[in-house]
Amino acid sequence: MTTMAMTAGQDGTFGHSLEALVDRMMDALFTRNFGDDAASRCSDTLVRAVHAARRLRQAGDVDGALAAMAGAETARADAGSARWAHAEWLGLVKRRFRGQPVAVYSPGTGRAAALVPDDGGALRVAATLGMAWAPGKTVSRRSLRGLRALGGGDAWC
């Protein structure tokens, strides 16, 4: 009862001011309008990329799903969205490269690369999330700190 009294208009009706309060609450809950509009737009774009990747995976196109995730912008996304995208990406990588020798390099939250051994002893980028590396790029093992095997534990290389 006290809540209604606080939101009552000057004429004693509750409709307009209560409606405005509900509108503000819904806006805060569903549009992520918490101050930094650039970060919320980036998180929304990331959410769309993850959902597109999920649809592609469900349709049987795991490579297409990884390509959709490669273009996802994680740098300015909130930490929770970046971790969620990373978990989704890692699941796709595990599905795509199951049984193959793959290492994962993750230099920061929401950024990762799946790497496969190259004939010359280097590593070749197979899939990325939030990084500028393109699939096919060759990288040196020595320059990648924190390289881990896809299944966890120490890197196989």
C-alpha atoms as a PDB file:
ATOM      1  CA  MET A   1       0.000   0.000   0.000  1.00  0.00           C
ATOM      2  CA  THR A   2       2.823   2.435   0.744  1.00  0.00           C
ATOM      3  CA  THR A   3       4.319   1.854  -2.715  1.00  0.00           C
ATOM      4  CA  MET A   4       1.078   2.898  -4.349  1.00  0.00           C
ATOM      5  CA  ALA A   5       0.865   5.985  -2.207  1.00  0.00           C
ATOM      6  CA  MET A   6       4.364   7.031  -3.242  1.00  0.00           C
ATOM      7  CA  THR A   7       3.569   6.744  -6.938  1.00  0.00           C
ATOM      8  CA  ALA A   8       0.140   8.378  -6.843  1.00  0.00           C
ATOM      9  CA  GLY A   9      -0.374  11.455  -8.969  1.00  0.00           C
ATOM     10  CA  GLN A  10      -1.582  14.824  -7.636  1.00  0.00           C
ATOM     11  CA  ASP A  11      -5.190  13.998  -8.439  1.00  0.00           C
ATOM     12  CA  GLY A  12      -4.993  10.735  -6.450  1.00  0.00           C
ATOM     13  CA  THR A  13      -4.847   8.411  -9.471  1.00  0.00           C
ATOM     14  CA  PHE A  14      -2.179   5.790  -9.871  1.00  0.00           C
ATOM     15  CA  GLY A  15      -2.258   5.083 -13.607  1.00  0.00           C
ATOM     16  CA  HIS A  16       0.133   7.518 -15.233  1.00  0.00           C
ATOM     17  CA  SER A  17       2.951   7.594 -12.678  1.00  0.00           C
ATOM     18  CA  LEU A  18       2.806   3.838 -12.072  1.00  0.00           C
ATOM     19  CA  GLU A  19       2.928   3.309 -15.822  1.00  0.00           C
ATOM     20  CA  ALA A  20       6.005   5.500 -16.089  1.00  0.00           C
ATOM     21  CA  LEU A  21       7.697   3.596 -13.272  1.00  0.00           C
ATOM     22  CA  VAL A  22       6.970   0.253 -14.941  1.00  0.00           C
ATOM     23  CA  ASP A  23       8.268   1.589 -18.267  1.00  0.00           C
ATOM     24  CA  ARG A  24      11.535   2.674 -16.632  1.00  0.00           C
ATOM     25  CA  MET A  25      11.903  -0.704 -14.920  1.00  0.00           C
ATOM     26  CA  MET A  26      11.283  -2.623 -18.135  1.00  0.00           C
ATOM     27  CA  ASP A  27      13.724  -0.401 -20.004  1.00  0.00           C
ATOM     28  CA  ALA A  28      16.399  -1.052 -17.373  1.00  0.00           C
ATOM     29  CA  LEU A  29      15.783  -4.786 -17.356  1.00  0.00           C
ATOM     30  CA  PHE A  30      15.533  -5.503 -21.061  1.00  0.00           C
ATOM     31  CA  THR A  31      17.538  -2.894 -22.916  1.00  0.00           C
ATOM     32  CA  ARG A  32      20.623  -2.952 -20.691  1.00  0.00           C
ATOM     33  CA  ASN A  33      20.610   0.808 -20.517  1.00  0.00           C
ATOM     34  CA  PHE A  34      22.947   1.123 -17.528  1.00  0.00           C
ATOM     35  CA  GLY A  35      25.061   4.083 -18.472  1.00  0.00           C
ATOM     36  CA  ASP A  36      27.676   2.952 -21.022  1.00  0.00           C
ATOM     37  CA  ASP A  37      25.690   2.708 -24.243  1.00  0.00           C
ATOM     38  CA  ALA A  38      28.718   1.571 -26.278  1.00  0.00           C
ATOM     39  CA  ALA A  39      29.302  -1.394 -23.956  1.00  0.00           C
ATOM     40  CA  SER A  40      25.641  -2.367 -23.979  1.00  0.00           C
ATOM     41  CA  ARG A  41      25.508  -2.149 -27.793  1.00  0.00           C
ATOM     42  CA  CYS A  42      28.640  -4.286 -27.989  1.00  0.00           C
ATOM     43  CA  SER A  43      27.132  -6.862 -25.619  1.00  0.00           C
ATOM     44  CA  ASP A  44      23.915  -6.904 -27.671  1.00  0.00           C
ATOM     45  CA  THR A  45      25.929  -7.483 -30.865  1.00  0.00           C
ATOM     46  CA  LEU A  46      27.805 -10.283 -29.120  1.00  0.00           C
ATOM     47  CA  VAL A  47      24.551 -11.897 -27.997  1.00  0.00           C
ATOM     48  CA  ARG A  48      23.268 -11.826 -31.581  1.00  0.00           C
ATOM     49  CA  ALA A  49      26.510 -13.442 -32.827  1.00  0.00           C
ATOM     50  CA  VAL A  50      26.263 -16.228 -30.238  1.00  0.00           C
ATOM     51  CA  HIS A  51      22.628 -16.908 -31.120  1.00  0.00           C
ATOM     52  CA  ALA A  52      23.479 -16.962 -34.844  1.00  0.00           C
ATOM     53  CA  ALA A  53      26.272 -19.444 -34.116  1.00  0.00           C
ATOM     54  CA  ARG A  54      23.866 -21.609 -32.125  1.00  0.00           C
ATOM     55  CA  ARG A  55      21.379 -21.665 -35.002  1.00  0.00           C
ATOM     56  CA  LEU A  56      24.130 -22.652 -37.443  1.00  0.00           C
ATOM     57  CA  ARG A  57      25.366 -25.407 -35.120  1.00  0.00           C
ATOM     58  CA  GLN A  58      21.847 -26.775 -34.751  1.00  0.00           C
ATOM     59  CA  ALA A  59      21.566 -26.814 -38.544  1.00  0.00           C
ATOM     60  CA  GLY A  60      24.751 -28.896 -38.665  1.00  0.00           C
ATOM     61  CA  ASP A  61      27.094 -26.134 -39.873  1.00  0.00           C
ATOM     62  CA  VAL A  62      29.778 -26.081 -37.157  1.00  0.00           C
ATOM     63  CA  ASP A  63      32.306 -24.344 -39.419  1.00  0.00           C
ATOM     64  CA  GLY A  64      29.748 -21.618 -40.160  1.00  0.00           C
ATOM     65  CA  ALA A  65      29.060 -21.265 -36.449  1.00  0.00           C
ATOM     66  CA  LEU A  66      32.781 -20.808 -35.756  1.00  0.00           C
ATOM     67  CA  ALA A  67      32.949 -18.205 -38.540  1.00  0.00           C
ATOM     68  CA  ALA A  68      30.035 -16.328 -36.955  1.00  0.00           C
ATOM     69  CA  MET A  69      31.829 -16.352 -33.616  1.00  0.00           C
ATOM     70  CA  ALA A  70      35.100 -15.196 -35.223  1.00  0.00           C
ATOM     71  CA  GLY A  71      33.477 -11.899 -36.146  1.00  0.00           C
ATOM     72  CA  ALA A  72      32.044 -11.324 -32.669  1.00  0.00           C
ATOM     73  CA  GLU A  73      33.220  -8.158 -30.925  1.00  0.00           C
ATOM     74  CA  THR A  74      34.236  -9.088 -27.378  1.00  0.00           C
ATOM     75  CA  ALA A  75      36.669  -6.295 -26.537  1.00  0.00           C
ATOM     76  CA  ARG A  76      34.105  -3.828 -25.152  1.00  0.00           C
ATOM     77  CA  ALA A  77      31.465  -6.345 -24.075  1.00  0.00           C
ATOM     78  CA  ASP A  78      30.728  -6.756 -20.389  1.00  0.00           C
ATOM     79  CA  ALA A  79      32.726  -9.512 -18.693  1.00  0.00           C
ATOM     80  CA  GLY A  80      29.736 -11.831 -18.267  1.00  0.00           C
ATOM     81  CA  SER A  81      28.841 -11.701 -21.958  1.00  0.00           C
ATOM     82  CA  ALA A  82      32.478 -12.216 -22.949  1.00  0.00           C
ATOM     83  CA  ARG A  83      32.786 -15.293 -20.705  1.00  0.00           C
ATOM     84  CA  TRP A  84      29.507 -16.677 -22.066  1.00  0.00           C
ATOM     85  CA  ALA A  85      30.697 -16.181 -25.656  1.00  0.00           C
ATOM     86  CA  HIS A  86      33.995 -17.870 -24.811  1.00  0.00           C
ATOM     87  CA  ALA A  87      32.186 -20.887 -23.339  1.00  0.00           C
ATOM     88  CA  GLU A  88      29.969 -21.158 -26.437  1.00  0.00           C
ATOM     89  CA  TRP A  89      32.993 -20.825 -28.723  1.00  0.00           C
ATOM     90  CA  LEU A  90      34.933 -23.461 -26.773  1.00  0.00           C
ATOM     91  CA  GLY A  91      32.021 -25.882 -27.101  1.00  0.00           C
ATOM     92  CA  LEU A  92      32.015 -25.350 -30.864  1.00  0.00           C
ATOM     93  CA  VAL A  93      35.780 -25.887 -31.056  1.00  0.00           C
ATOM     94  CA  LYS A  94      35.504 -29.119 -29.069  1.00  0.00           C
ATOM     95  CA  ARG A  95      32.720 -30.329 -31.360  1.00  0.00           C
ATOM     96  CA  ARG A  96      34.579 -29.388 -34.556  1.00  0.00           C
ATOM     97  CA  PHE A  97      38.060 -30.639 -33.605  1.00  0.00           C
ATOM     98  CA  ARG A  98      37.137 -33.661 -31.478  1.00  0.00           C
ATOM     99  CA  GLY A  99      39.967 -36.214 -31.509  1.00  0.00           C
ATOM    100  CA  GLN A 100      42.439 -33.888 -33.209  1.00  0.00           C
ATOM    101  CA  PRO A 101      45.544 -32.338 -31.614  1.00  0.00           C
ATOM    102  CA  VAL A 102      44.321 -28.785 -30.933  1.00  0.00           C
ATOM    103  CA  ALA A 103      45.638 -26.208 -28.487  1.00  0.00           C
ATOM    104  CA  VAL A 104      43.751 -23.176 -27.197  1.00  0.00           C
ATOM    105  CA  TYR A 105      45.403 -19.814 -26.628  1.00  0.00           C
ATOM    106  CA  SER A 106      43.469 -17.250 -24.598  1.00  0.00           C
ATOM    107  CA  PRO A 107      45.214 -13.905 -24.004  1.00  0.00           C
ATOM    108  CA  GLY A 108      42.256 -12.337 -22.162  1.00  0.00           C
ATOM    109  CA  THR A 109      38.576 -12.502 -21.306  1.00  0.00           C
ATOM    110  CA  GLY A 110      36.528 -13.191 -24.423  1.00  0.00           C
ATOM    111  CA  ARG A 111      39.566 -13.655 -26.643  1.00  0.00           C
ATOM    112  CA  ALA A 112      40.822 -17.030 -27.825  1.00  0.00           C
ATOM    113  CA  ALA A 113      42.299 -18.974 -30.720  1.00  0.00           C
ATOM    114  CA  ALA A 114      42.241 -22.671 -31.566  1.00  0.00           C
ATOM    115  CA  LEU A 115      45.587 -23.750 -33.001  1.00  0.00           C
ATOM    116  CA  VAL A 116      46.559 -26.894 -34.900  1.00  0.00           C
ATOM    117  CA  PRO A 117      50.107 -28.125 -35.560  1.00  0.00           C
ATOM    118  CA  ASP A 118      51.623 -27.112 -38.864  1.00  0.00           C
ATOM    119  CA  ASP A 119      54.007 -29.243 -40.918  1.00  0.00           C
ATOM    120  CA  GLY A 120      56.942 -26.956 -40.127  1.00  0.00           C
ATOM    121  CA  GLY A 121      56.561 -27.244 -36.354  1.00  0.00           C
ATOM    122  CA  ALA A 122      54.664 -23.981 -35.921  1.00  0.00           C
ATOM    123  CA  LEU A 123      50.967 -23.605 -35.145  1.00  0.00           C
ATOM    124  CA  ARG A 124      48.213 -22.662 -37.571  1.00  0.00           C
ATOM    125  CA  VAL A 125      45.122 -20.704 -36.486  1.00  0.00           C
ATOM    126  CA  ALA A 126      42.000 -22.808 -37.019  1.00  0.00           C
ATOM    127  CA  ALA A 127      39.353 -20.655 -35.267  1.00  0.00           C
ATOM    128  CA  THR A 128      39.251 -17.423 -33.289  1.00  0.00           C
ATOM    129  CA  LEU A 129      37.053 -15.440 -30.933  1.00  0.00           C
ATOM    130  CA  GLY A 130      37.534 -11.705 -30.494  1.00  0.00           C
ATOM    131  CA  MET A 131      40.971 -11.657 -32.114  1.00  0.00           C
ATOM    132  CA  ALA A 132      42.332 -10.115 -35.299  1.00  0.00           C
ATOM    133  CA  TRP A 133      44.025 -13.354 -36.335  1.00  0.00           C
ATOM    134  CA  ALA A 134      42.566 -14.951 -39.456  1.00  0.00           C
ATOM    135  CA  PRO A 135      42.231 -18.709 -39.847  1.00  0.00           C
ATOM    136  CA  GLY A 136      45.306 -20.060 -41.628  1.00  0.00           C
ATOM    137  CA  LYS A 137      47.730 -17.612 -39.987  1.00  0.00           C
ATOM    138  CA  THR A 138      50.919 -19.283 -38.742  1.00  0.00           C
ATOM    139  CA  VAL A 139      52.186 -18.417 -35.257  1.00  0.00           C
ATOM    140  CA  SER A 140      55.199 -19.462 -33.215  1.00  0.00           C
ATOM    141  CA  ARG A 141      54.693 -21.655 -30.140  1.00  0.00           C
ATOM    142  CA  ARG A 142      57.262 -19.683 -28.150  1.00  0.00           C
ATOM    143  CA  SER A 143      55.305 -16.444 -28.361  1.00  0.00           C
ATOM    144  CA  LEU A 144      52.116 -17.906 -26.875  1.00  0.00           C
ATOM    145  CA  ARG A 145      52.086 -17.976 -23.083  1.00  0.00           C
ATOM    146  CA  GLY A 146      49.331 -20.006 -21.480  1.00  0.00           C
ATOM    147  CA  LEU A 147      48.837 -22.363 -24.409  1.00  0.00           C
ATOM    148  CA  ARG A 148      46.653 -25.299 -23.310  1.00  0.00           C
ATOM    149  CA  ALA A 149      45.511 -28.537 -24.886  1.00  0.00           C
ATOM    150  CA  LEU A 150      41.874 -28.455 -25.969  1.00  0.00           C
ATOM    151  CA  GLY A 151      40.866 -31.028 -23.355  1.00  0.00           C
ATOM    152  CA  GLY A 152      42.558 -29.067 -20.557  1.00  0.00           C
ATOM    153  CA  GLY A 153      45.868 -29.557 -18.790  1.00  0.00           C
ATOM    154  CA  ASP A 154      49.243 -28.714 -20.255  1.00  0.00           C
ATOM    155  CA  ALA A 155      49.638 -28.031 -23.931  1.00  0.00           C
ATOM    156  CA  TRP A 156      50.529 -30.950 -26.144  1.00  0.00           C
ATOM    157  CA  CYS A 157      53.185 -28.966 -27.953  1.00  0.00           C
END
